[in-house]
C-alpha atoms as a PDB file:
ATOM      1  CA  MET A   1       5.439   3.077  15.731  1.00  0.00           C
ATOM      2  CA  LEU A   2       3.534   5.861  13.956  1.00  0.00           C
ATOM      3  CA  LEU A   3      -0.262   6.249  14.012  1.00  0.00           C
ATOM      4  CA  LEU A   4      -1.838   8.609  11.463  1.00  0.00           C
ATOM      5  CA  VAL A   5      -5.227   9.992  12.491  1.00  0.00           C
ATOM      6  CA  PHE A   6      -7.700  12.649  11.395  1.00  0.00           C
ATOM      7  CA  ASN A   7     -11.458  12.874  11.961  1.00  0.00           C
ATOM      8  CA  ARG A   8     -12.825   9.342  12.517  1.00  0.00           C
ATOM      9  CA  PRO A   9     -13.082   8.664  16.259  1.00  0.00           C
ATOM     10  CA  GLY A  10     -14.888   5.334  15.841  1.00  0.00           C
ATOM     11  CA  ASN A  11     -12.202   3.805  13.648  1.00  0.00           C
ATOM     12  CA  THR A  12      -9.425   5.385  15.677  1.00  0.00           C
ATOM     13  CA  ARG A  13     -10.773   3.870  18.897  1.00  0.00           C
ATOM     14  CA  ARG A  14     -10.639   0.348  17.418  1.00  0.00           C
ATOM     15  CA  VAL A  15      -7.154   0.743  15.973  1.00  0.00           C
ATOM     16  CA  LEU A  16      -5.874   2.305  19.187  1.00  0.00           C
ATOM     17  CA  GLU A  17      -7.208  -0.653  21.172  1.00  0.00           C
ATOM     18  CA  ALA A  18      -5.231  -3.031  18.937  1.00  0.00           C
ATOM     19  CA  ILE A  19      -2.124  -0.921  19.515  1.00  0.00           C
ATOM     20  CA  ARG A  20      -2.784  -0.925  23.261  1.00  0.00           C
ATOM     21  CA  GLN A  21      -2.785  -4.730  23.226  1.00  0.00           C
ATOM     22  CA  ALA A  22       0.606  -4.706  21.472  1.00  0.00           C
ATOM     23  CA  ARG A  23       1.934  -2.108  23.959  1.00  0.00           C
ATOM     24  CA  PRO A  24       4.690  -0.461  21.912  1.00  0.00           C
ATOM     25  CA  GLY A  25       7.267   1.349  24.010  1.00  0.00           C
ATOM     26  CA  LYS A  26       7.090   4.430  21.761  1.00  0.00           C
ATOM     27  CA  LEU A  27       4.052   5.803  19.978  1.00  0.00           C
ATOM     28  CA  TYR A  28       4.130   8.700  17.529  1.00  0.00           C
ATOM     29  CA  VAL A  29       0.743  10.167  16.582  1.00  0.00           C
ATOM     30  CA  ALA A  30       0.243  12.652  13.756  1.00  0.00           C
ATOM     31  CA  SER A  31      -3.008  14.445  12.950  1.00  0.00           C
ATOM     32  CA  ASP A  32      -3.815  16.779  10.066  1.00  0.00           C
ATOM     33  CA  GLY A  33      -5.720  19.944  10.978  1.00  0.00           C
ATOM     34  CA  PRO A  34      -9.474  20.428  10.413  1.00  0.00           C
ATOM     35  CA  ARG A  35     -10.656  21.526   6.995  1.00  0.00           C
ATOM     36  CA  ALA A  36     -12.227  24.963   6.765  1.00  0.00           C
ATOM     37  CA  SER A  37     -14.745  23.544   4.264  1.00  0.00           C
ATOM     38  CA  ASN A  38     -16.036  20.885   6.684  1.00  0.00           C
ATOM     39  CA  LEU A  39     -18.009  22.168   9.677  1.00  0.00           C
ATOM     40  CA  ASN A  40     -17.763  18.835  11.529  1.00  0.00           C
ATOM     41  CA  ASP A  41     -13.981  18.581  11.399  1.00  0.00           C
ATOM     42  CA  GLU A  42     -13.321  20.869  14.341  1.00  0.00           C
ATOM     43  CA  SER A  43     -15.169  18.642  16.789  1.00  0.00           C
ATOM     44  CA  THR A  44     -14.225  15.229  15.325  1.00  0.00           C
ATOM     45  CA  VAL A  45     -10.539  16.099  14.988  1.00  0.00           C
ATOM     46  CA  SER A  46     -10.522  17.314  18.611  1.00  0.00           C
ATOM     47  CA  GLU A  47     -12.254  14.114  19.762  1.00  0.00           C
ATOM     48  CA  VAL A  48      -9.696  11.955  17.957  1.00  0.00           C
ATOM     49  CA  ARG A  49      -6.792  13.900  19.455  1.00  0.00           C
ATOM     50  CA  GLU A  50      -8.205  13.496  22.934  1.00  0.00           C
ATOM     51  CA  LEU A  51      -8.541   9.748  22.336  1.00  0.00           C
ATOM     52  CA  VAL A  52      -4.965   9.203  21.224  1.00  0.00           C
ATOM     53  CA  THR A  53      -3.442  11.169  24.078  1.00  0.00           C
ATOM     54  CA  ARG A  54      -5.102   8.902  26.671  1.00  0.00           C
ATOM     55  CA  VAL A  55      -2.414   6.216  26.475  1.00  0.00           C
ATOM     56  CA  ASN A  56      -2.960   3.846  29.417  1.00  0.00           C
ATOM     57  CA  TRP A  57       0.168   1.703  29.186  1.00  0.00           C
ATOM     58  CA  GLU A  58       3.822   2.504  29.806  1.00  0.00           C
ATOM     59  CA  CYS A  59       4.688   4.335  26.623  1.00  0.00           C
ATOM     60  CA  GLU A  60       6.688   7.294  25.347  1.00  0.00           C
ATOM     61  CA  LEU A  61       4.102   9.386  23.463  1.00  0.00           C
ATOM     62  CA  HIS A  62       4.994  11.953  20.781  1.00  0.00           C
ATOM     63  CA  THR A  63       2.375  14.011  18.941  1.00  0.00           C
ATOM     64  CA  LEU A  64       2.309  16.171  15.819  1.00  0.00           C
ATOM     65  CA  PHE A  65      -1.026  17.986  15.696  1.00  0.00           C
ATOM     66  CA  ARG A  66      -1.378  20.347  12.742  1.00  0.00           C
ATOM     67  CA  THR A  67      -3.391  23.536  13.172  1.00  0.00           C
ATOM     68  CA  GLY A  68      -4.112  23.939   9.465  1.00  0.00           C
ATOM     69  CA  ASN A  69      -5.136  21.293   6.955  1.00  0.00           C
ATOM     70  CA  LEU A  70      -2.362  20.076   4.671  1.00  0.00           C
ATOM     71  CA  GLY A  71      -4.403  17.513   2.751  1.00  0.00           C
ATOM     72  CA  CYS A  72      -3.814  13.794   2.436  1.00  0.00           C
ATOM     73  CA  LYS A  73      -0.548  13.830   0.493  1.00  0.00           C
ATOM     74  CA  ARG A  74       1.379  16.455   2.476  1.00  0.00           C
ATOM     75  CA  ALA A  75      -0.064  15.544   5.869  1.00  0.00           C
ATOM     76  CA  VAL A  76       0.922  11.880   5.643  1.00  0.00           C
ATOM     77  CA  SER A  77       4.298  12.284   3.946  1.00  0.00           C
ATOM     78  CA  SER A  78       5.394  15.063   6.318  1.00  0.00           C
ATOM     79  CA  ALA A  79       4.276  12.970   9.309  1.00  0.00           C
ATOM     80  CA  ILE A  80       6.422  10.063   8.099  1.00  0.00           C
ATOM     81  CA  ASP A  81       9.296  12.523   7.593  1.00  0.00           C
ATOM     82  CA  TRP A  82       8.823  13.623  11.204  1.00  0.00           C
ATOM     83  CA  PHE A  83       8.751  10.030  12.435  1.00  0.00           C
ATOM     84  CA  PHE A  84      12.002   9.123  10.695  1.00  0.00           C
ATOM     85  CA  GLU A  85      13.727  12.227  11.969  1.00  0.00           C
ATOM     86  CA  HIS A  86      13.587  10.443  15.339  1.00  0.00           C
ATOM     87  CA  GLU A  87      13.582   6.713  14.494  1.00  0.00           C
ATOM     88  CA  GLN A  88      15.615   4.412  12.244  1.00  0.00           C
ATOM     89  CA  GLN A  89      12.719   2.020  11.594  1.00  0.00           C
ATOM     90  CA  GLY A  90       9.113   1.465  12.558  1.00  0.00           C
ATOM     91  CA  LEU A  91       5.528   0.408  11.894  1.00  0.00           C
ATOM     92  CA  ILE A  92       2.980   2.746  10.328  1.00  0.00           C
ATOM     93  CA  LEU A  93      -0.796   2.503  10.720  1.00  0.00           C
ATOM     94  CA  GLU A  94      -3.585   4.807   9.615  1.00  0.00           C
ATOM     95  CA  ASP A  95      -6.781   5.262  11.603  1.00  0.00           C
ATOM     96  CA  ASP A  96      -8.727   2.836   9.392  1.00  0.00           C
ATOM     97  CA  CYS A  97      -6.166   0.012   9.315  1.00  0.00           C
ATOM     98  CA  LEU A  98      -7.064  -2.532  11.993  1.00  0.00           C
ATOM     99  CA  PRO A  99      -4.156  -4.928  12.625  1.00  0.00           C
ATOM    100  CA  HIS A 100      -4.103  -8.523  13.828  1.00  0.00           C
ATOM    101  CA  GLN A 101      -1.746  -8.843  16.803  1.00  0.00           C
ATOM    102  CA  ASP A 102       0.618 -10.909  14.648  1.00  0.00           C
ATOM    103  CA  PHE A 103       1.129  -7.846  12.455  1.00  0.00           C
ATOM    104  CA  PHE A 104       3.314  -6.281  15.137  1.00  0.00           C
ATOM    105  CA  ARG A 105       5.384  -9.420  15.625  1.00  0.00           C
ATOM    106  CA  PHE A 106       5.744  -9.962  11.879  1.00  0.00           C
ATOM    107  CA  CYS A 107       6.939  -6.413  11.217  1.00  0.00           C
ATOM    108  CA  ASP A 108       9.289  -6.313  14.214  1.00  0.00           C
ATOM    109  CA  ASN A 109      10.868  -9.604  13.153  1.00  0.00           C
ATOM    110  CA  LEU A 110      11.463  -8.524   9.545  1.00  0.00           C
ATOM    111  CA  LEU A 111      12.569  -5.004  10.450  1.00  0.00           C
ATOM    112  CA  GLU A 112      15.462  -6.567  12.325  1.00  0.00           C
ATOM    113  CA  LYS A 113      16.196  -9.306   9.780  1.00  0.00           C
ATOM    114  CA  TYR A 114      16.402  -6.946   6.797  1.00  0.00           C
ATOM    115  CA  LYS A 115      17.653  -3.850   8.599  1.00  0.00           C
ATOM    116  CA  TYR A 116      20.782  -3.650   6.439  1.00  0.00           C
ATOM    117  CA  ASP A 117      19.438  -5.319   3.284  1.00  0.00           C
ATOM    118  CA  ASP A 118      18.837  -2.636   0.659  1.00  0.00           C
ATOM    119  CA  ARG A 119      16.969  -5.098  -1.545  1.00  0.00           C
ATOM    120  CA  ILE A 120      14.002  -4.870   0.845  1.00  0.00           C
ATOM    121  CA  SER A 121      12.323  -1.463   1.087  1.00  0.00           C
ATOM    122  CA  VAL A 122       8.959  -2.225   2.699  1.00  0.00           C
ATOM    123  CA  ILE A 123       7.167  -4.749   4.909  1.00  0.00           C
ATOM    124  CA  THR A 124       3.406  -4.857   4.381  1.00  0.00           C
ATOM    125  CA  GLY A 125       0.651  -6.411   6.471  1.00  0.00           C
ATOM    126  CA  ASN A 126      -1.626  -6.871   3.458  1.00  0.00           C
ATOM    127  CA  ASN A 127      -2.307  -9.984   1.428  1.00  0.00           C
ATOM    128  CA  PHE A 128      -4.599  -9.910  -1.625  1.00  0.00           C
ATOM    129  CA  GLN A 129      -3.982 -13.408  -2.958  1.00  0.00           C
ATOM    130  CA  ASN A 130      -7.494 -14.712  -2.130  1.00  0.00           C
ATOM    131  CA  GLY A 131      -6.210 -17.661  -0.136  1.00  0.00           C
ATOM    132  CA  ARG A 132      -3.314 -18.541  -2.431  1.00  0.00           C
ATOM    133  CA  SER A 133      -0.036 -19.218  -0.649  1.00  0.00           C
ATOM    134  CA  ARG A 134       3.104 -18.170  -2.497  1.00  0.00           C
ATOM    135  CA  GLY A 135       6.020 -20.434  -1.697  1.00  0.00           C
ATOM    136  CA  SER A 136       6.576 -22.449   1.474  1.00  0.00           C
ATOM    137  CA  ALA A 137       7.656 -19.561   3.728  1.00  0.00           C
ATOM    138  CA  SER A 138       5.551 -17.187   5.835  1.00  0.00           C
ATOM    139  CA  TYR A 139       5.936 -14.410   3.289  1.00  0.00           C
ATOM    140  CA  TYR A 140       7.087 -13.704  -0.253  1.00  0.00           C
ATOM    141  CA  PHE A 141       8.619 -10.731  -2.050  1.00  0.00           C
ATOM    142  CA  SER A 142       6.556  -8.412  -4.223  1.00  0.00           C
ATOM    143  CA  LYS A 143       7.066  -5.193  -6.109  1.00  0.00           C
ATOM    144  CA  TYR A 144       3.732  -3.958  -4.732  1.00  0.00           C
ATOM    145  CA  ASN A 145       4.184  -2.001  -1.499  1.00  0.00           C
ATOM    146  CA  HIS A 146       0.601  -2.177  -0.151  1.00  0.00           C
ATOM    147  CA  CYS A 147       0.254   0.393   2.613  1.00  0.00           C
ATOM    148  CA  TRP A 148      -2.802  -0.542   4.716  1.00  0.00           C
ATOM    149  CA  GLY A 149      -0.507  -1.207   7.654  1.00  0.00           C
ATOM    150  CA  TRP A 150       3.186  -1.416   6.848  1.00  0.00           C
ATOM    151  CA  ALA A 151       6.716  -0.882   8.115  1.00  0.00           C
ATOM    152  CA  THR A 152       9.940   0.478   6.720  1.00  0.00           C
ATOM    153  CA  TRP A 153      13.307   1.987   7.543  1.00  0.00           C
ATOM    154  CA  ARG A 154      14.712   5.497   7.415  1.00  0.00           C
ATOM    155  CA  ARG A 155      17.138   4.176   4.781  1.00  0.00           C
ATOM    156  CA  SER A 156      14.150   3.421   2.501  1.00  0.00           C
ATOM    157  CA  TRP A 157      11.959   6.446   3.212  1.00  0.00           C
ATOM    158  CA  LYS A 158      14.811   8.823   2.327  1.00  0.00           C
ATOM    159  CA  PHE A 159      14.168   7.941  -1.332  1.00  0.00           C
ATOM    160  CA  TYR A 160      10.555   9.190  -1.190  1.00  0.00           C
ATOM    161  CA  ARG A 161       9.922  11.928  -3.762  1.00  0.00           C
ATOM    162  CA  GLY A 162       6.441  13.404  -3.574  1.00  0.00           C
ATOM    163  CA  ASP A 163       6.799  15.082  -6.969  1.00  0.00           C
ATOM    164  CA  ILE A 164       8.389  11.969  -8.556  1.00  0.00           C
ATOM    165  CA  GLY A 165      10.778  14.322 -10.345  1.00  0.00           C
ATOM    166  CA  PHE A 166      12.622  11.328 -11.753  1.00  0.00           C
ATOM    167  CA  TRP A 167       9.581  10.168 -13.746  1.00  0.00           C
ATOM    168  CA  GLN A 168      10.088  11.952 -17.084  1.00  0.00           C
ATOM    169  CA  ASN A 169      13.513  10.407 -17.632  1.00  0.00           C
ATOM    170  CA  TRP A 170      12.720   7.082 -16.015  1.00  0.00           C
ATOM    171  CA  LYS A 171       9.588   6.310 -18.054  1.00  0.00           C
ATOM    172  CA  THR A 172      11.628   5.946 -21.250  1.00  0.00           C
ATOM    173  CA  SER A 173      14.383   3.880 -19.651  1.00  0.00           C
ATOM    174  CA  HIS A 174      15.173   0.193 -20.020  1.00  0.00           C
ATOM    175  CA  ASP A 175      14.822  -0.114 -16.243  1.00  0.00           C
ATOM    176  CA  TRP A 176      11.148   0.972 -16.344  1.00  0.00           C
ATOM    177  CA  HIS A 177      10.306  -1.484 -19.134  1.00  0.00           C
ATOM    178  CA  ARG A 178      12.162  -4.268 -17.323  1.00  0.00           C
ATOM    179  CA  LEU A 179      10.224  -3.570 -14.117  1.00  0.00           C
ATOM    180  CA  VAL A 180       6.858  -3.519 -15.920  1.00  0.00           C
ATOM    181  CA  PRO A 181       7.239  -5.602 -19.079  1.00  0.00           C
ATOM    182  CA  ASP A 182       3.492  -6.088 -19.595  1.00  0.00           C
ATOM    183  CA  SER A 183       2.236  -3.271 -21.840  1.00  0.00           C
ATOM    184  CA  VAL A 184      -1.252  -3.150 -20.257  1.00  0.00           C
ATOM    185  CA  GLU A 185       0.145  -2.843 -16.762  1.00  0.00           C
ATOM    186  CA  ARG A 186       2.743  -0.335 -17.916  1.00  0.00           C
ATOM    187  CA  ARG A 187       0.101   1.949 -19.457  1.00  0.00           C
ATOM    188  CA  TYR A 188      -1.973   1.703 -16.263  1.00  0.00           C
ATOM    189  CA  TRP A 189       0.877   2.979 -14.090  1.00  0.00           C
ATOM    190  CA  GLU A 190       2.092   5.517 -16.637  1.00  0.00           C
ATOM    191  CA  ARG A 191      -1.318   7.207 -16.596  1.00  0.00           C
ATOM    192  CA  ILE A 192      -1.283   7.339 -12.793  1.00  0.00           C
ATOM    193  CA  PHE A 193       2.265   8.688 -12.528  1.00  0.00           C
ATOM    194  CA  GLU A 194       1.530  11.308 -15.194  1.00  0.00           C
ATOM    195  CA  ARG A 195      -1.455  12.483 -13.119  1.00  0.00           C
ATOM    196  CA  VAL A 196       0.708  12.548  -9.995  1.00  0.00           C
ATOM    197  CA  GLN A 197       3.173  14.862 -11.750  1.00  0.00           C
ATOM    198  CA  LYS A 198       0.316  17.116 -12.836  1.00  0.00           C
ATOM    199  CA  CYS A 199      -0.877  17.292  -9.183  1.00  0.00           C
ATOM    200  CA  GLU A 200      -4.225  15.774 -10.142  1.00  0.00           C
ATOM    201  CA  ILE A 201      -4.106  13.139  -7.360  1.00  0.00           C
ATOM    202  CA  ASP A 202      -3.811  14.115  -3.691  1.00  0.00           C
ATOM    203  CA  SER A 203      -2.045  10.936  -2.604  1.00  0.00           C
ATOM    204  CA  TRP A 204       1.276  10.150  -0.968  1.00  0.00           C
ATOM    205  CA  ALA A 205       0.904   6.418  -1.746  1.00  0.00           C
ATOM    206  CA  TYR A 206       1.407   6.618  -5.524  1.00  0.00           C
ATOM    207  CA  PRO A 207       4.621   8.678  -5.213  1.00  0.00           C
ATOM    208  CA  TRP A 208       5.800   6.192  -2.563  1.00  0.00           C
ATOM    209  CA  THR A 209       5.192   3.290  -4.956  1.00  0.00           C
ATOM    210  CA  ALA A 210       7.056   5.097  -7.733  1.00  0.00           C
ATOM    211  CA  SER A 211       9.930   5.920  -5.368  1.00  0.00           C
ATOM    212  CA  VAL A 212      10.243   2.311  -4.147  1.00  0.00           C
ATOM    213  CA  TRP A 213      10.213   1.025  -7.729  1.00  0.00           C
ATOM    214  CA  HIS A 214      12.706   3.629  -8.924  1.00  0.00           C
ATOM    215  CA  HIS A 215      15.074   2.551  -6.166  1.00  0.00           C
ATOM    216  CA  GLY A 216      14.546  -1.124  -7.060  1.00  0.00           C
ATOM    217  CA  GLY A 217      13.094  -2.116  -3.681  1.00  0.00           C
ATOM    218  CA  LEU A 218      11.008  -5.196  -2.879  1.00  0.00           C
ATOM    219  CA  THR A 219       8.194  -5.571  -0.348  1.00  0.00           C
ATOM    220  CA  ALA A 220       7.973  -8.479   2.088  1.00  0.00           C
ATOM    221  CA  THR A 221       4.347  -9.666   1.866  1.00  0.00           C
ATOM    222  CA  PRO A 222       2.766 -12.114   4.347  1.00  0.00           C
ATOM    223  CA  ASN A 223       1.068 -15.261   3.081  1.00  0.00           C
ATOM    224  CA  VAL A 224      -1.935 -14.367   5.258  1.00  0.00           C
ATOM    225  CA  ASN A 225      -3.714 -11.059   5.623  1.00  0.00           C
ATOM    226  CA  LEU A 226      -2.651  -9.236   8.804  1.00  0.00           C
ATOM    227  CA  VAL A 227      -4.472  -5.891   8.469  1.00  0.00           C
ATOM    228  CA  SER A 228      -8.117  -5.107   7.736  1.00  0.00           C
ATOM    229  CA  ASN A 229      -9.161  -1.787   6.211  1.00  0.00           C
ATOM    230  CA  ILE A 230     -12.272  -0.733   8.155  1.00  0.00           C
ATOM    231  CA  GLY A 231     -12.508   2.706   6.554  1.00  0.00           C
ATOM    232  CA  PHE A 232     -14.462   1.981   3.368  1.00  0.00           C
ATOM    233  CA  GLY A 233     -17.447   4.292   3.032  1.00  0.00           C
ATOM    234  CA  PRO A 234     -18.534   7.844   2.156  1.00  0.00           C
ATOM    235  CA  GLU A 235     -16.189   9.419   4.739  1.00  0.00           C
ATOM    236  CA  SER A 236     -13.137   7.881   3.092  1.00  0.00           C
ATOM    237  CA  THR A 237     -10.926   9.841   0.689  1.00  0.00           C
ATOM    238  CA  HIS A 238      -9.845   6.977  -1.582  1.00  0.00           C
ATOM    239  CA  THR A 239     -12.008   3.971  -0.595  1.00  0.00           C
ATOM    240  CA  ALA A 240     -15.579   5.187  -0.894  1.00  0.00           C
ATOM    241  CA  SER A 241     -17.363   1.944  -1.838  1.00  0.00           C
ATOM    242  CA  PRO A 242     -18.417  -0.102   1.220  1.00  0.00           C
ATOM    243  CA  ASP A 243     -19.231  -3.028  -1.114  1.00  0.00           C
ATOM    244  CA  SER A 244     -15.620  -3.520  -2.143  1.00  0.00           C
ATOM    245  CA  PRO A 245     -14.290  -7.070  -1.613  1.00  0.00           C
ATOM    246  CA  TYR A 246     -11.296  -5.433   0.096  1.00  0.00           C
ATOM    247  CA  SER A 247     -13.424  -3.742   2.749  1.00  0.00           C
ATOM    248  CA  ALA A 248     -12.933  -5.148   6.275  1.00  0.00           C
ATOM    249  CA  MET A 249     -11.101  -8.239   5.034  1.00  0.00           C
ATOM    250  CA  GLN A 250     -10.583 -11.038   7.526  1.00  0.00           C
ATOM    251  CA  THR A 251      -7.202 -11.243   9.250  1.00  0.00           C
ATOM    252  CA  THR A 252      -5.424 -14.469  10.224  1.00  0.00           C
ATOM    253  CA  GLU A 253      -2.595 -15.416  12.546  1.00  0.00           C
ATOM    254  CA  ILE A 254       0.695 -16.048  10.799  1.00  0.00           C
ATOM    255  CA  GLY A 255       2.124 -18.565  13.262  1.00  0.00           C
ATOM    256  CA  GLU A 256       5.829 -19.315  13.365  1.00  0.00           C
ATOM    257  CA  ILE A 257       7.673 -17.009  10.972  1.00  0.00           C
ATOM    258  CA  ILE A 258       9.525 -19.010   8.345  1.00  0.00           C
ATOM    259  CA  HIS A 259      11.821 -16.955   6.120  1.00  0.00           C
ATOM    260  CA  PRO A 260      12.214 -17.521   2.360  1.00  0.00           C
ATOM    261  CA  ILE A 261      15.543 -18.965   1.268  1.00  0.00           C
ATOM    262  CA  ILE A 262      15.876 -16.664  -1.735  1.00  0.00           C
ATOM    263  CA  VAL A 263      15.128 -12.934  -2.003  1.00  0.00           C
ATOM    264  CA  ALA A 264      13.383 -12.562  -5.367  1.00  0.00           C
ATOM    265  CA  GLN A 265      10.166 -11.058  -6.723  1.00  0.00           C
ATOM    266  CA  ASP A 266       7.251 -13.471  -7.081  1.00  0.00           C
ATOM    267  CA  HIS A 267       6.059 -12.544 -10.572  1.00  0.00           C
ATOM    268  CA  CYS A 268       3.022 -14.851 -10.467  1.00  0.00           C
ATOM    269  CA  ALA A 269       1.771 -13.255  -7.262  1.00  0.00           C
ATOM    270  CA  ASP A 270       2.282  -9.769  -8.671  1.00  0.00           C
ATOM    271  CA  ARG A 271       0.508 -10.639 -11.895  1.00  0.00           C
ATOM    272  CA  PHE A 272      -2.459 -11.858  -9.839  1.00  0.00           C
ATOM    273  CA  VAL A 273      -2.504  -8.588  -7.853  1.00  0.00           C
ATOM    274  CA  PHE A 274      -2.508  -6.462 -10.997  1.00  0.00           C
ATOM    275  CA  GLU A 275      -5.230  -8.528 -12.659  1.00  0.00           C
ATOM    276  CA  THR A 276      -7.541  -8.512  -9.614  1.00  0.00           C
ATOM    277  CA  VAL A 277      -6.769  -5.609  -7.262  1.00  0.00           C
ATOM    278  CA  PHE A 278      -5.858  -3.075  -9.947  1.00  0.00           C
ATOM    279  CA  GLY A 279      -8.343  -4.361 -12.522  1.00  0.00           C
ATOM    280  CA  GLY A 280      -5.911  -5.519 -15.176  1.00  0.00           C
ATOM    281  CA  GLN A 281      -8.248  -8.305 -16.280  1.00  0.00           C
ATOM    282  CA  PHE A 282     -10.890  -5.754 -17.247  1.00  0.00           C
ATOM    283  CA  LEU A 283      -8.365  -3.595 -19.087  1.00  0.00           C
ATOM    284  CA  ARG A 284      -7.466  -6.587 -21.260  1.00  0.00           C
ATOM    285  CA  TYR A 285     -10.989  -7.749 -22.195  1.00  0.00           C
ATOM    286  CA  PRO A 286     -12.005  -4.766 -24.369  1.00  0.00           C
ATOM    287  CA  ARG A 287      -8.894  -5.263 -26.524  1.00  0.00           C
ATOM    288  CA  ALA A 288      -9.614  -8.981 -26.818  1.00  0.00           C
ATOM    289  CA  LEU A 289     -13.200  -8.263 -27.876  1.00  0.00           C
ATOM    290  CA  LEU A 290     -12.083  -5.786 -30.515  1.00  0.00           C
ATOM    291  CA  THR A 291      -9.865  -8.400 -32.135  1.00  0.00           C
ATOM    292  CA  ILE A 292     -12.623 -11.034 -32.406  1.00  0.00           C
ATOM    293  CA  PRO A 293     -13.634 -10.081 -36.011  1.00  0.00           C
ATOM    294  CA  HIS A 294     -10.003 -10.198 -37.164  1.00  0.00           C
ATOM    295  CA  ARG A 295      -9.351 -13.519 -35.437  1.00  0.00           C
ATOM    296  CA  ALA A 296     -12.601 -14.999 -36.797  1.00  0.00           C
ATOM    297  CA  TYR A 297     -11.656 -13.915 -40.322  1.00  0.00           C
ATOM    298  CA  ALA A 298      -8.173 -15.426 -39.964  1.00  0.00           C
ATOM    299  CA  PHE A 299      -9.677 -18.685 -38.686  1.00  0.00           C
ATOM    300  CA  LEU A 300     -12.161 -18.942 -41.563  1.00  0.00           C
ATOM    301  CA  LYS A 301      -9.415 -18.109 -44.051  1.00  0.00           C
ATOM    302  CA  ARG A 302      -7.296 -20.991 -42.737  1.00  0.00           C
ATOM    303  CA  ILE A 303     -10.280 -23.378 -43.059  1.00  0.00           C
ATOM    304  CA  LEU A 304     -10.980 -22.268 -46.643  1.00  0.00           C
ATOM    305  CA  VAL A 305      -7.339 -22.652 -47.635  1.00  0.00           C
ATOM    306  CA  ARG A 306      -7.319 -26.190 -46.272  1.00  0.00           C
ATOM    307  CA  LEU A 307     -10.535 -27.050 -48.101  1.00  0.00           C
ATOM    308  CA  CYS A 308      -9.200 -25.671 -51.387  1.00  0.00           C
ATOM    309  CA  CYS A 309      -5.927 -27.554 -50.993  1.00  0.00           C
ATOM    310  CA  ASN A 310      -7.802 -30.785 -50.413  1.00  0.00           C
END
């Protein structure tokens, strides 16, 4: 498995303890270098690196400690590149993603089951269905590759394109409109992918989502939440609000793993994720409000026509 760390010793200590309980036989640890603009980085990055090298179980430890700072996008994507230069498959955790012990068992089980199935690109430990269970199995298939604790294969990661160079042609294709038929959702992602291409977002996760979608991959998603993001707060790059409902979410055991009979995207589950997690419901309301005068006029017109006819 791969652990991605940086400058948060408190979070790292908790995540490392969860990994210690799982006792993986191989542990890869990658750390970006301290930022010249942050005076505290030198000491906190060093403290984190000392923590992760004190592995106290039988384990083959590999480290990639950068001297300079690459930034979020390059540091993470190059670390995953490094990991898959050595391994065919594996679990990936960041220093703020605290896993339930069943996360390891769930990912290991599905990594083996779908090792040669190109329809499945990602296994996630995240569930954002607010208690809703999708289907009768332990997991369902989604287009959303949530990455607060996940697993994948070398065969999938090889399609990662940080610059999403395929975007300009793909965004006008039938395939793109088939994947995202809802116009509100499509505009949401088009704006993000345009910003990615303009290098306005320092994130590896958005290019990874675009790459998975472009390849047509699905994500196996547990029907319970298996990973809690404990990194919300001012020190976080992308999750600054500690009041978010997705901060430090509760995790639950998954029990016996029951596999779905059919491999197919759960469109209802994905619609719920877009409406709630990505804020689709709020993107729709302004348009609905703007059409109220027109709809009211049409309604009154129908009433008047009926009255005149009578």
